[in-house]
């Protein structure tokens, strides 16, 4: 069955098609969401909200983009809505992102180090990194999280964010640069 036919079944509220949609996309949605929150409860809640949104709005899906890109957009939107809501309620959930080799080296150092004093120091460094990531402008945080942590191609990120591939590249570059500058000042 091709995508157009599958979307037609979804628009007709076909239960079997919706079950297929859930089994096909639940891990993808959960992975993206988890990398925004690093919290299983939020991941489960958002994943469920995404499927409810898909079910309720599939009839309005205009098929200008792929079904997968549309689902990415809904997932990012629901994640950002949750972040905004938590900020308004002053209950911050930490958004962590990987930005190149520096973070990978830092992460490996934490994992390999069993000295309690060093682990505490590294935890403080990680918390500082999380705080700095939270200070990034929203578009930079989204582009960085999707492209670096979720390994989504620039083309797909550009479709999700509805910007050009060059704009995605620029956002990621600026996010990395800003993180490096603010972390070096600390």
N, C-alpha and C. Protein backbone atom coordinates (compact mmCIF):
# COMPACT_ATOMS: atom_id res chain seq x y z
N UNK A 1 0.84 -1.17 0.00
CA UNK A 1 0.00 0.00 0.00
C UNK A 1 0.89 1.24 0.00
N UNK A 2 0.59 2.18 -0.86
CA UNK A 2 1.38 3.41 -0.92
C UNK A 2 0.89 4.40 0.15
N UNK A 3 1.68 5.47 0.33
CA UNK A 3 1.38 6.43 1.40
C UNK A 3 0.04 7.12 1.18
N UNK A 4 -0.27 7.46 -0.04
CA UNK A 4 -1.53 8.16 -0.35
C UNK A 4 -2.73 7.30 0.04
N UNK A 5 -2.65 6.02 -0.27
CA UNK A 5 -3.71 5.08 0.07
C UNK A 5 -3.84 4.94 1.60
N UNK A 6 -2.68 4.86 2.26
CA UNK A 6 -2.63 4.73 3.71
C UNK A 6 -3.25 5.97 4.38
N UNK A 7 -2.91 7.14 3.87
CA UNK A 7 -3.46 8.39 4.40
C UNK A 7 -4.97 8.43 4.20
N UNK A 8 -5.42 7.93 3.07
CA UNK A 8 -6.87 7.85 2.81
C UNK A 8 -7.57 7.00 3.86
N UNK A 9 -6.98 5.88 4.21
CA UNK A 9 -7.55 5.02 5.25
C UNK A 9 -7.58 5.74 6.60
N UNK A 10 -6.48 6.46 6.89
CA UNK A 10 -6.43 7.22 8.15
C UNK A 10 -7.51 8.30 8.19
N UNK A 11 -7.70 8.97 7.05
CA UNK A 11 -8.71 10.03 6.99
C UNK A 11 -10.12 9.47 7.15
N UNK A 12 -10.29 8.20 6.77
CA UNK A 12 -11.58 7.53 6.95
C UNK A 12 -11.70 6.88 8.33
N UNK A 13 -10.72 7.18 9.20
CA UNK A 13 -10.71 6.69 10.60
C UNK A 13 -10.68 5.16 10.67
N UNK A 14 -9.97 4.54 9.72
CA UNK A 14 -9.82 3.09 9.70
C UNK A 14 -8.98 2.65 10.91
N UNK A 15 -9.56 1.83 11.76
CA UNK A 15 -8.91 1.41 13.01
C UNK A 15 -7.61 0.63 12.75
N UNK A 16 -7.63 -0.23 11.76
CA UNK A 16 -6.45 -1.02 11.42
C UNK A 16 -5.30 -0.12 10.93
N UNK A 17 -5.64 0.88 10.13
CA UNK A 17 -4.62 1.82 9.63
C UNK A 17 -4.03 2.62 10.79
N UNK A 18 -4.89 3.02 11.73
CA UNK A 18 -4.39 3.79 12.87
C UNK A 18 -3.47 2.92 13.73
N UNK A 19 -3.82 1.66 13.91
CA UNK A 19 -2.95 0.74 14.67
C UNK A 19 -1.60 0.59 13.97
N UNK A 20 -1.61 0.53 12.65
CA UNK A 20 -0.37 0.45 11.88
C UNK A 20 0.44 1.72 12.05
N UNK A 21 -0.24 2.86 12.02
CA UNK A 21 0.43 4.14 12.22
C UNK A 21 1.12 4.17 13.59
N UNK A 22 0.41 3.76 14.62
CA UNK A 22 0.98 3.76 15.97
C UNK A 22 2.20 2.84 16.05
N UNK A 23 2.07 1.63 15.53
CA UNK A 23 3.21 0.70 15.62
C UNK A 23 4.39 1.17 14.78
N UNK A 24 4.11 1.86 13.68
CA UNK A 24 5.18 2.35 12.81
C UNK A 24 5.91 3.55 13.40
N UNK A 25 5.18 4.47 14.03
CA UNK A 25 5.76 5.75 14.43
C UNK A 25 5.96 5.95 15.94
N UNK A 26 5.49 5.04 16.78
CA UNK A 26 5.57 5.29 18.22
C UNK A 26 7.02 5.43 18.70
N UNK A 27 7.93 4.62 18.22
CA UNK A 27 9.33 4.72 18.66
C UNK A 27 9.98 6.00 18.14
N UNK A 28 9.68 6.39 16.93
CA UNK A 28 10.22 7.62 16.35
C UNK A 28 9.76 8.83 17.18
N UNK A 29 8.49 8.89 17.47
CA UNK A 29 7.94 10.00 18.26
C UNK A 29 8.54 10.01 19.65
N UNK A 30 8.60 8.85 20.28
CA UNK A 30 9.15 8.76 21.64
C UNK A 30 10.62 9.17 21.66
N UNK A 31 11.38 8.76 20.66
CA UNK A 31 12.81 9.12 20.62
C UNK A 31 13.00 10.63 20.48
N UNK A 32 12.24 11.24 19.62
CA UNK A 32 12.35 12.69 19.43
C UNK A 32 11.96 13.41 20.72
N UNK A 33 10.84 13.02 21.28
CA UNK A 33 10.35 13.67 22.50
C UNK A 33 11.30 13.48 23.66
N UNK A 34 11.81 12.28 23.82
CA UNK A 34 12.71 12.00 24.94
C UNK A 34 13.93 12.91 24.89
N UNK A 35 14.41 13.18 23.70
CA UNK A 35 15.60 14.01 23.56
C UNK A 35 15.32 15.49 23.78
N UNK A 36 14.07 15.87 23.89
CA UNK A 36 13.73 17.22 24.31
C UNK A 36 13.65 17.31 25.84
N UNK A 37 13.22 16.22 26.50
CA UNK A 37 12.94 16.27 27.93
C UNK A 37 13.84 15.39 28.80
N UNK A 38 14.33 14.29 28.26
CA UNK A 38 15.08 13.30 29.03
C UNK A 38 14.29 12.89 30.27
N UNK A 39 13.01 12.64 30.05
CA UNK A 39 12.10 12.30 31.12
C UNK A 39 11.04 11.36 30.54
N UNK A 40 10.93 10.15 31.10
CA UNK A 40 10.02 9.16 30.53
C UNK A 40 8.55 9.57 30.63
N UNK A 41 8.17 10.19 31.73
CA UNK A 41 6.77 10.59 31.89
C UNK A 41 6.37 11.61 30.82
N UNK A 42 7.20 12.62 30.62
CA UNK A 42 6.90 13.60 29.57
C UNK A 42 6.89 12.93 28.20
N UNK A 43 7.83 12.03 27.98
CA UNK A 43 7.90 11.32 26.69
C UNK A 43 6.61 10.55 26.42
N UNK A 44 6.13 9.82 27.41
CA UNK A 44 4.90 9.05 27.25
C UNK A 44 3.70 9.97 27.02
N UNK A 45 3.63 11.04 27.81
CA UNK A 45 2.51 11.99 27.67
C UNK A 45 2.48 12.63 26.30
N UNK A 46 3.63 13.12 25.85
CA UNK A 46 3.70 13.80 24.55
C UNK A 46 3.41 12.81 23.42
N UNK A 47 3.96 11.61 23.52
CA UNK A 47 3.71 10.60 22.47
C UNK A 47 2.22 10.35 22.33
N UNK A 48 1.55 10.21 23.46
CA UNK A 48 0.10 10.01 23.43
C UNK A 48 -0.61 11.23 22.83
N UNK A 49 -0.20 12.43 23.23
CA UNK A 49 -0.79 13.65 22.69
C UNK A 49 -0.61 13.75 21.18
N UNK A 50 0.56 13.34 20.70
CA UNK A 50 0.83 13.38 19.25
C UNK A 50 -0.15 12.48 18.51
N UNK A 51 -0.36 11.26 19.01
CA UNK A 51 -1.29 10.36 18.32
C UNK A 51 -2.73 10.87 18.39
N UNK A 52 -3.10 11.48 19.47
CA UNK A 52 -4.44 12.07 19.57
C UNK A 52 -4.58 13.19 18.54
N UNK A 53 -3.54 14.04 18.45
CA UNK A 53 -3.56 15.13 17.47
C UNK A 53 -3.63 14.59 16.04
N UNK A 54 -2.86 13.55 15.76
CA UNK A 54 -2.90 12.95 14.41
C UNK A 54 -4.31 12.46 14.10
N UNK A 55 -4.88 11.73 15.05
CA UNK A 55 -6.23 11.19 14.85
C UNK A 55 -7.24 12.31 14.60
N UNK A 56 -7.14 13.38 15.41
CA UNK A 56 -8.11 14.48 15.31
C UNK A 56 -7.90 15.37 14.09
N UNK A 57 -6.66 15.45 13.58
CA UNK A 57 -6.41 16.40 12.50
C UNK A 57 -6.00 15.77 11.17
N UNK A 58 -6.01 14.46 11.07
CA UNK A 58 -5.60 13.81 9.81
C UNK A 58 -6.48 14.25 8.65
N UNK A 59 -7.72 14.57 8.91
CA UNK A 59 -8.61 15.00 7.83
C UNK A 59 -8.16 16.33 7.22
N UNK A 60 -7.40 17.12 7.98
CA UNK A 60 -6.91 18.41 7.47
C UNK A 60 -5.49 18.31 6.90
N UNK A 61 -4.89 17.12 6.95
CA UNK A 61 -3.54 16.94 6.40
C UNK A 61 -3.60 17.14 4.89
N UNK A 62 -2.84 18.13 4.39
CA UNK A 62 -2.95 18.51 2.98
C UNK A 62 -2.01 17.74 2.05
N UNK A 63 -1.18 16.88 2.59
CA UNK A 63 -0.29 16.00 1.83
C UNK A 63 0.74 16.75 0.99
N UNK A 64 1.03 18.01 1.36
CA UNK A 64 2.09 18.74 0.67
C UNK A 64 3.46 18.23 1.11
N UNK A 65 3.53 17.73 2.33
CA UNK A 65 4.76 17.11 2.82
C UNK A 65 4.47 15.63 3.04
N UNK A 66 5.52 14.89 3.39
CA UNK A 66 5.31 13.47 3.66
C UNK A 66 4.61 13.31 5.02
N UNK A 67 4.00 12.17 5.22
CA UNK A 67 3.34 11.87 6.49
C UNK A 67 4.36 11.93 7.62
N UNK A 68 5.55 11.42 7.38
CA UNK A 68 6.60 11.41 8.40
C UNK A 68 6.98 12.84 8.80
N UNK A 69 7.15 13.73 7.84
CA UNK A 69 7.49 15.12 8.14
C UNK A 69 6.36 15.79 8.93
N UNK A 70 5.13 15.50 8.56
CA UNK A 70 3.99 16.06 9.26
C UNK A 70 3.97 15.59 10.72
N UNK A 71 4.27 14.32 10.94
CA UNK A 71 4.32 13.76 12.29
C UNK A 71 5.47 14.39 13.08
N UNK A 72 6.63 14.61 12.43
CA UNK A 72 7.74 15.32 13.08
C UNK A 72 7.28 16.69 13.56
N UNK A 73 6.58 17.42 12.68
CA UNK A 73 6.12 18.78 13.02
C UNK A 73 5.21 18.75 14.24
N UNK A 74 4.28 17.81 14.25
CA UNK A 74 3.36 17.71 15.38
C UNK A 74 4.13 17.39 16.66
N UNK A 75 5.09 16.48 16.56
CA UNK A 75 5.89 16.08 17.72
C UNK A 75 6.67 17.25 18.28
N UNK A 76 7.34 17.99 17.41
CA UNK A 76 8.11 19.16 17.85
C UNK A 76 7.17 20.20 18.45
N UNK A 77 6.06 20.43 17.80
CA UNK A 77 5.10 21.42 18.29
C UNK A 77 4.58 21.06 19.68
N UNK A 78 4.20 19.80 19.87
CA UNK A 78 3.72 19.35 21.18
C UNK A 78 4.82 19.46 22.23
N UNK A 79 6.04 19.15 21.85
CA UNK A 79 7.17 19.25 22.79
C UNK A 79 7.41 20.69 23.20
N UNK A 80 7.41 21.59 22.23
CA UNK A 80 7.63 23.00 22.52
C UNK A 80 6.47 23.57 23.35
N UNK A 81 5.25 23.15 23.05
CA UNK A 81 4.11 23.59 23.86
C UNK A 81 4.29 23.16 25.31
N UNK A 82 4.77 21.96 25.53
CA UNK A 82 4.98 21.47 26.89
C UNK A 82 6.07 22.28 27.58
N UNK A 83 7.14 22.57 26.86
CA UNK A 83 8.24 23.37 27.44
C UNK A 83 7.72 24.74 27.83
N UNK A 84 6.97 25.37 26.95
CA UNK A 84 6.42 26.70 27.24
C UNK A 84 5.51 26.65 28.46
N UNK A 85 4.69 25.64 28.52
CA UNK A 85 3.76 25.49 29.64
C UNK A 85 4.53 25.33 30.95
N UNK A 86 5.57 24.53 30.93
CA UNK A 86 6.36 24.31 32.13
C UNK A 86 7.09 25.57 32.55
N UNK A 87 7.55 26.35 31.59
CA UNK A 87 8.22 27.61 31.94
C UNK A 87 7.23 28.56 32.60
N UNK A 88 6.02 28.62 32.05
CA UNK A 88 5.01 29.50 32.64
C UNK A 88 4.71 29.08 34.08
N UNK A 89 4.76 27.79 34.33
CA UNK A 89 4.46 27.28 35.66
C UNK A 89 5.71 27.19 36.53
N UNK A 90 6.80 27.69 36.02
CA UNK A 90 8.09 27.70 36.73
C UNK A 90 8.54 26.29 37.13
N UNK A 91 8.17 25.29 36.33
CA UNK A 91 8.65 23.93 36.55
C UNK A 91 9.44 23.55 35.31
N UNK A 92 10.71 23.86 35.36
CA UNK A 92 11.54 23.63 34.20
C UNK A 92 11.93 22.15 34.09
N UNK A 93 11.75 21.62 32.89
CA UNK A 93 12.32 20.32 32.58
C UNK A 93 13.52 20.62 31.70
N UNK A 94 14.56 19.90 31.92
CA UNK A 94 15.81 20.24 31.26
C UNK A 94 15.86 19.66 29.85
N UNK A 95 16.28 20.52 28.94
CA UNK A 95 16.45 20.10 27.56
C UNK A 95 17.95 19.98 27.32
N UNK A 96 18.37 18.78 27.00
CA UNK A 96 19.79 18.53 26.81
C UNK A 96 20.04 18.25 25.33
N UNK A 97 21.12 18.73 24.82
CA UNK A 97 21.44 18.48 23.44
C UNK A 97 22.93 18.24 23.29
N UNK A 98 23.26 17.49 22.28
CA UNK A 98 24.66 17.23 22.00
C UNK A 98 25.13 18.21 20.93
N UNK A 99 26.26 18.84 21.14
CA UNK A 99 26.75 19.77 20.12
C UNK A 99 28.20 19.45 19.80
N UNK A 100 28.34 18.47 18.97
CA UNK A 100 29.67 18.16 18.46
C UNK A 100 30.54 17.36 19.39
N UNK A 101 31.80 17.28 19.04
CA UNK A 101 32.78 16.44 19.70
C UNK A 101 33.04 16.86 21.14
N UNK A 102 32.97 18.15 21.44
CA UNK A 102 33.25 18.60 22.80
C UNK A 102 32.31 17.94 23.80
N UNK A 103 31.01 17.89 23.47
CA UNK A 103 30.06 17.28 24.38
C UNK A 103 30.27 15.78 24.45
N UNK A 104 30.56 15.16 23.32
CA UNK A 104 30.80 13.71 23.29
C UNK A 104 31.98 13.36 24.20
N UNK A 105 33.07 14.13 24.10
CA UNK A 105 34.23 13.90 24.97
C UNK A 105 33.85 14.11 26.42
N UNK A 106 33.08 15.16 26.69
CA UNK A 106 32.64 15.46 28.05
C UNK A 106 31.79 14.31 28.59
N UNK A 107 30.86 13.82 27.76
CA UNK A 107 29.98 12.73 28.16
C UNK A 107 30.77 11.46 28.44
N UNK A 108 31.75 11.15 27.59
CA UNK A 108 32.58 9.97 27.80
C UNK A 108 33.41 10.10 29.08
N UNK A 109 33.89 11.29 29.35
CA UNK A 109 34.66 11.53 30.56
C UNK A 109 33.80 11.23 31.79
N UNK A 110 32.54 11.66 31.77
CA UNK A 110 31.65 11.40 32.89
C UNK A 110 31.41 9.90 33.05
N UNK A 111 31.16 9.23 31.94
CA UNK A 111 30.86 7.80 31.99
C UNK A 111 32.05 6.98 32.47
N UNK A 112 33.26 7.39 32.11
CA UNK A 112 34.44 6.61 32.45
C UNK A 112 35.00 6.92 33.83
N UNK A 113 34.53 7.95 34.46
CA UNK A 113 35.14 8.42 35.69
C UNK A 113 34.35 7.90 36.89
N UNK A 114 34.98 7.09 37.75
CA UNK A 114 34.28 6.52 38.89
C UNK A 114 34.65 7.19 40.21
N UNK A 115 35.52 8.17 40.20
CA UNK A 115 35.89 8.89 41.41
C UNK A 115 34.72 9.76 41.84
N UNK A 116 34.17 9.56 43.07
CA UNK A 116 32.99 10.32 43.50
C UNK A 116 33.17 11.84 43.43
N UNK A 117 34.34 12.34 43.79
CA UNK A 117 34.59 13.78 43.74
C UNK A 117 34.49 14.28 42.30
N UNK A 118 35.13 13.55 41.38
CA UNK A 118 35.09 13.94 39.97
C UNK A 118 33.68 13.81 39.39
N UNK A 119 32.96 12.77 39.83
CA UNK A 119 31.59 12.61 39.34
C UNK A 119 30.72 13.80 39.76
N UNK A 120 30.90 14.27 40.99
CA UNK A 120 30.15 15.43 41.47
C UNK A 120 30.50 16.68 40.66
N UNK A 121 31.79 16.87 40.40
CA UNK A 121 32.24 18.00 39.59
C UNK A 121 31.63 17.94 38.19
N UNK A 122 31.68 16.74 37.60
CA UNK A 122 31.14 16.56 36.24
C UNK A 122 29.64 16.80 36.22
N UNK A 123 28.94 16.38 37.28
CA UNK A 123 27.50 16.60 37.34
C UNK A 123 27.21 18.11 37.37
N UNK A 124 28.02 18.84 38.12
CA UNK A 124 27.85 20.30 38.16
C UNK A 124 28.10 20.91 36.79
N UNK A 125 29.11 20.42 36.08
CA UNK A 125 29.39 20.91 34.72
C UNK A 125 28.22 20.60 33.79
N UNK A 126 27.66 19.39 33.90
CA UNK A 126 26.54 19.00 33.06
C UNK A 126 25.32 19.88 33.36
N UNK A 127 25.07 20.14 34.63
CA UNK A 127 23.96 21.02 35.00
C UNK A 127 24.14 22.42 34.42
N UNK A 128 25.38 22.90 34.41
CA UNK A 128 25.65 24.22 33.82
C UNK A 128 25.37 24.18 32.33
N UNK A 129 25.78 23.11 31.66
CA UNK A 129 25.51 22.96 30.23
C UNK A 129 24.01 22.97 29.97
N UNK A 130 23.25 22.25 30.78
CA UNK A 130 21.81 22.19 30.62
C UNK A 130 21.20 23.58 30.75
N UNK A 131 21.65 24.33 31.76
CA UNK A 131 21.15 25.69 31.94
C UNK A 131 21.44 26.56 30.72
N UNK A 132 22.64 26.43 30.17
CA UNK A 132 23.01 27.23 29.00
C UNK A 132 22.19 26.84 27.78
N UNK A 133 21.91 25.56 27.62
CA UNK A 133 21.08 25.11 26.50
C UNK A 133 19.68 25.69 26.63
N UNK A 134 19.17 25.72 27.86
CA UNK A 134 17.84 26.30 28.09
C UNK A 134 17.78 27.77 27.75
N UNK A 135 18.92 28.45 27.77
CA UNK A 135 18.96 29.88 27.45
C UNK A 135 19.04 30.16 25.95
N UNK A 136 19.27 29.13 25.15
CA UNK A 136 19.33 29.33 23.70
C UNK A 136 17.97 29.80 23.17
N UNK A 137 17.99 30.61 22.13
CA UNK A 137 16.72 30.95 21.48
C UNK A 137 16.03 29.67 21.01
N UNK A 138 14.72 29.68 21.04
CA UNK A 138 13.93 28.49 20.75
C UNK A 138 14.30 27.82 19.42
N UNK A 139 14.42 28.59 18.34
CA UNK A 139 14.73 27.99 17.04
C UNK A 139 16.11 27.33 17.03
N UNK A 140 17.08 27.93 17.72
CA UNK A 140 18.41 27.32 17.80
C UNK A 140 18.33 26.01 18.58
N UNK A 141 17.60 26.01 19.68
CA UNK A 141 17.47 24.80 20.50
C UNK A 141 16.79 23.69 19.70
N UNK A 142 15.74 24.03 18.96
CA UNK A 142 15.03 23.02 18.17
C UNK A 142 15.94 22.46 17.08
N UNK A 143 16.57 23.33 16.32
CA UNK A 143 17.44 22.89 15.22
C UNK A 143 18.57 22.02 15.74
N UNK A 144 19.19 22.44 16.84
CA UNK A 144 20.29 21.69 17.43
C UNK A 144 19.83 20.32 17.93
N UNK A 145 18.70 20.30 18.63
CA UNK A 145 18.18 19.04 19.18
C UNK A 145 17.80 18.07 18.07
N UNK A 146 17.11 18.55 17.06
CA UNK A 146 16.68 17.66 15.98
C UNK A 146 17.86 17.16 15.16
N UNK A 147 18.75 18.07 14.77
CA UNK A 147 19.82 17.66 13.86
C UNK A 147 20.94 16.90 14.54
N UNK A 148 21.32 17.32 15.73
CA UNK A 148 22.46 16.68 16.39
C UNK A 148 22.06 15.50 17.27
N UNK A 149 21.02 15.66 18.06
CA UNK A 149 20.66 14.61 19.00
C UNK A 149 19.80 13.55 18.35
N UNK A 150 18.90 13.96 17.47
CA UNK A 150 18.02 13.01 16.81
C UNK A 150 18.55 12.55 15.46
N UNK A 151 19.66 13.13 15.03
CA UNK A 151 20.28 12.78 13.75
C UNK A 151 19.31 12.85 12.58
N UNK A 152 18.47 13.86 12.61
CA UNK A 152 17.54 14.08 11.50
C UNK A 152 18.26 14.94 10.48
N UNK A 153 18.11 14.60 9.22
CA UNK A 153 18.81 15.31 8.15
C UNK A 153 18.39 16.77 8.11
N UNK A 154 19.30 17.61 7.58
CA UNK A 154 19.00 19.05 7.46
C UNK A 154 17.74 19.26 6.63
N UNK A 155 17.59 18.44 5.61
CA UNK A 155 16.41 18.58 4.74
C UNK A 155 15.13 18.35 5.54
N UNK A 156 15.12 17.29 6.35
CA UNK A 156 13.93 17.01 7.14
C UNK A 156 13.71 18.07 8.22
N UNK A 157 14.78 18.52 8.85
CA UNK A 157 14.66 19.57 9.86
C UNK A 157 14.09 20.84 9.21
N UNK A 158 14.54 21.13 7.98
CA UNK A 158 14.03 22.32 7.30
C UNK A 158 12.54 22.18 7.01
N UNK A 159 12.08 20.97 6.67
CA UNK A 159 10.66 20.75 6.44
C UNK A 159 9.88 20.89 7.75
N UNK A 160 10.42 20.33 8.83
CA UNK A 160 9.74 20.38 10.12
C UNK A 160 9.62 21.82 10.60
N UNK A 161 10.70 22.56 10.49
CA UNK A 161 10.72 23.94 10.99
C UNK A 161 10.20 24.94 9.97
N UNK A 162 9.97 24.47 8.75
CA UNK A 162 9.50 25.30 7.65
C UNK A 162 10.45 26.47 7.37
N UNK A 163 11.73 26.11 7.29
CA UNK A 163 12.79 27.06 6.94
C UNK A 163 13.71 26.38 5.94
N UNK A 164 14.63 27.11 5.35
CA UNK A 164 15.54 26.52 4.37
C UNK A 164 16.61 25.69 5.07
N UNK A 165 17.25 24.81 4.31
CA UNK A 165 18.34 24.00 4.85
C UNK A 165 19.49 24.89 5.32
N UNK A 166 19.74 25.97 4.59
CA UNK A 166 20.78 26.91 4.99
C UNK A 166 20.46 27.57 6.33
N UNK A 167 19.19 27.85 6.55
CA UNK A 167 18.78 28.45 7.82
C UNK A 167 18.98 27.46 8.96
N UNK A 168 18.71 26.18 8.71
CA UNK A 168 18.94 25.15 9.73
C UNK A 168 20.42 25.11 10.08
N UNK A 169 21.25 25.07 9.05
CA UNK A 169 22.70 25.03 9.27
C UNK A 169 23.16 26.25 10.07
N UNK A 170 22.63 27.41 9.73
CA UNK A 170 23.00 28.64 10.44
C UNK A 170 22.54 28.60 11.90
N UNK A 171 21.34 28.10 12.15
CA UNK A 171 20.84 28.00 13.53
C UNK A 171 21.70 27.07 14.37
N UNK A 172 22.07 25.93 13.80
CA UNK A 172 22.91 24.96 14.53
C UNK A 172 24.28 25.58 14.80
N UNK A 173 24.83 26.23 13.80
CA UNK A 173 26.14 26.88 13.96
C UNK A 173 26.10 27.92 15.08
N UNK A 174 25.07 28.77 15.03
CA UNK A 174 24.95 29.83 16.06
C UNK A 174 24.72 29.23 17.45
N UNK A 175 23.95 28.16 17.52
CA UNK A 175 23.71 27.51 18.81
C UNK A 175 25.00 26.97 19.40
N UNK A 176 25.77 26.29 18.57
CA UNK A 176 27.06 25.74 19.03
C UNK A 176 27.99 26.85 19.48
N UNK A 177 28.05 27.90 18.66
CA UNK A 177 28.94 29.02 18.97
C UNK A 177 28.54 29.69 20.28
N UNK A 178 27.25 29.93 20.45
CA UNK A 178 26.76 30.57 21.66
C UNK A 178 27.04 29.70 22.89
N UNK A 179 26.82 28.40 22.76
CA UNK A 179 27.09 27.49 23.89
C UNK A 179 28.56 27.50 24.26
N UNK A 180 29.43 27.45 23.27
CA UNK A 180 30.86 27.45 23.53
C UNK A 180 31.29 28.74 24.22
N UNK A 181 30.76 29.88 23.74
CA UNK A 181 31.10 31.17 24.34
C UNK A 181 30.62 31.27 25.79
N UNK A 182 29.37 30.90 26.02
CA UNK A 182 28.84 31.03 27.37
C UNK A 182 29.47 30.04 28.33
N UNK A 183 29.84 28.87 27.83
CA UNK A 183 30.48 27.89 28.71
C UNK A 183 31.93 28.30 29.04
N UNK A 184 32.59 28.96 28.10
CA UNK A 184 33.96 29.42 28.36
C UNK A 184 34.01 30.58 29.34
N UNK A 185 32.91 31.36 29.41
CA UNK A 185 32.85 32.48 30.36
C UNK A 185 32.66 32.00 31.79
N UNK A 186 32.08 30.83 31.94
CA UNK A 186 31.75 30.31 33.28
C UNK A 186 32.97 29.84 34.03
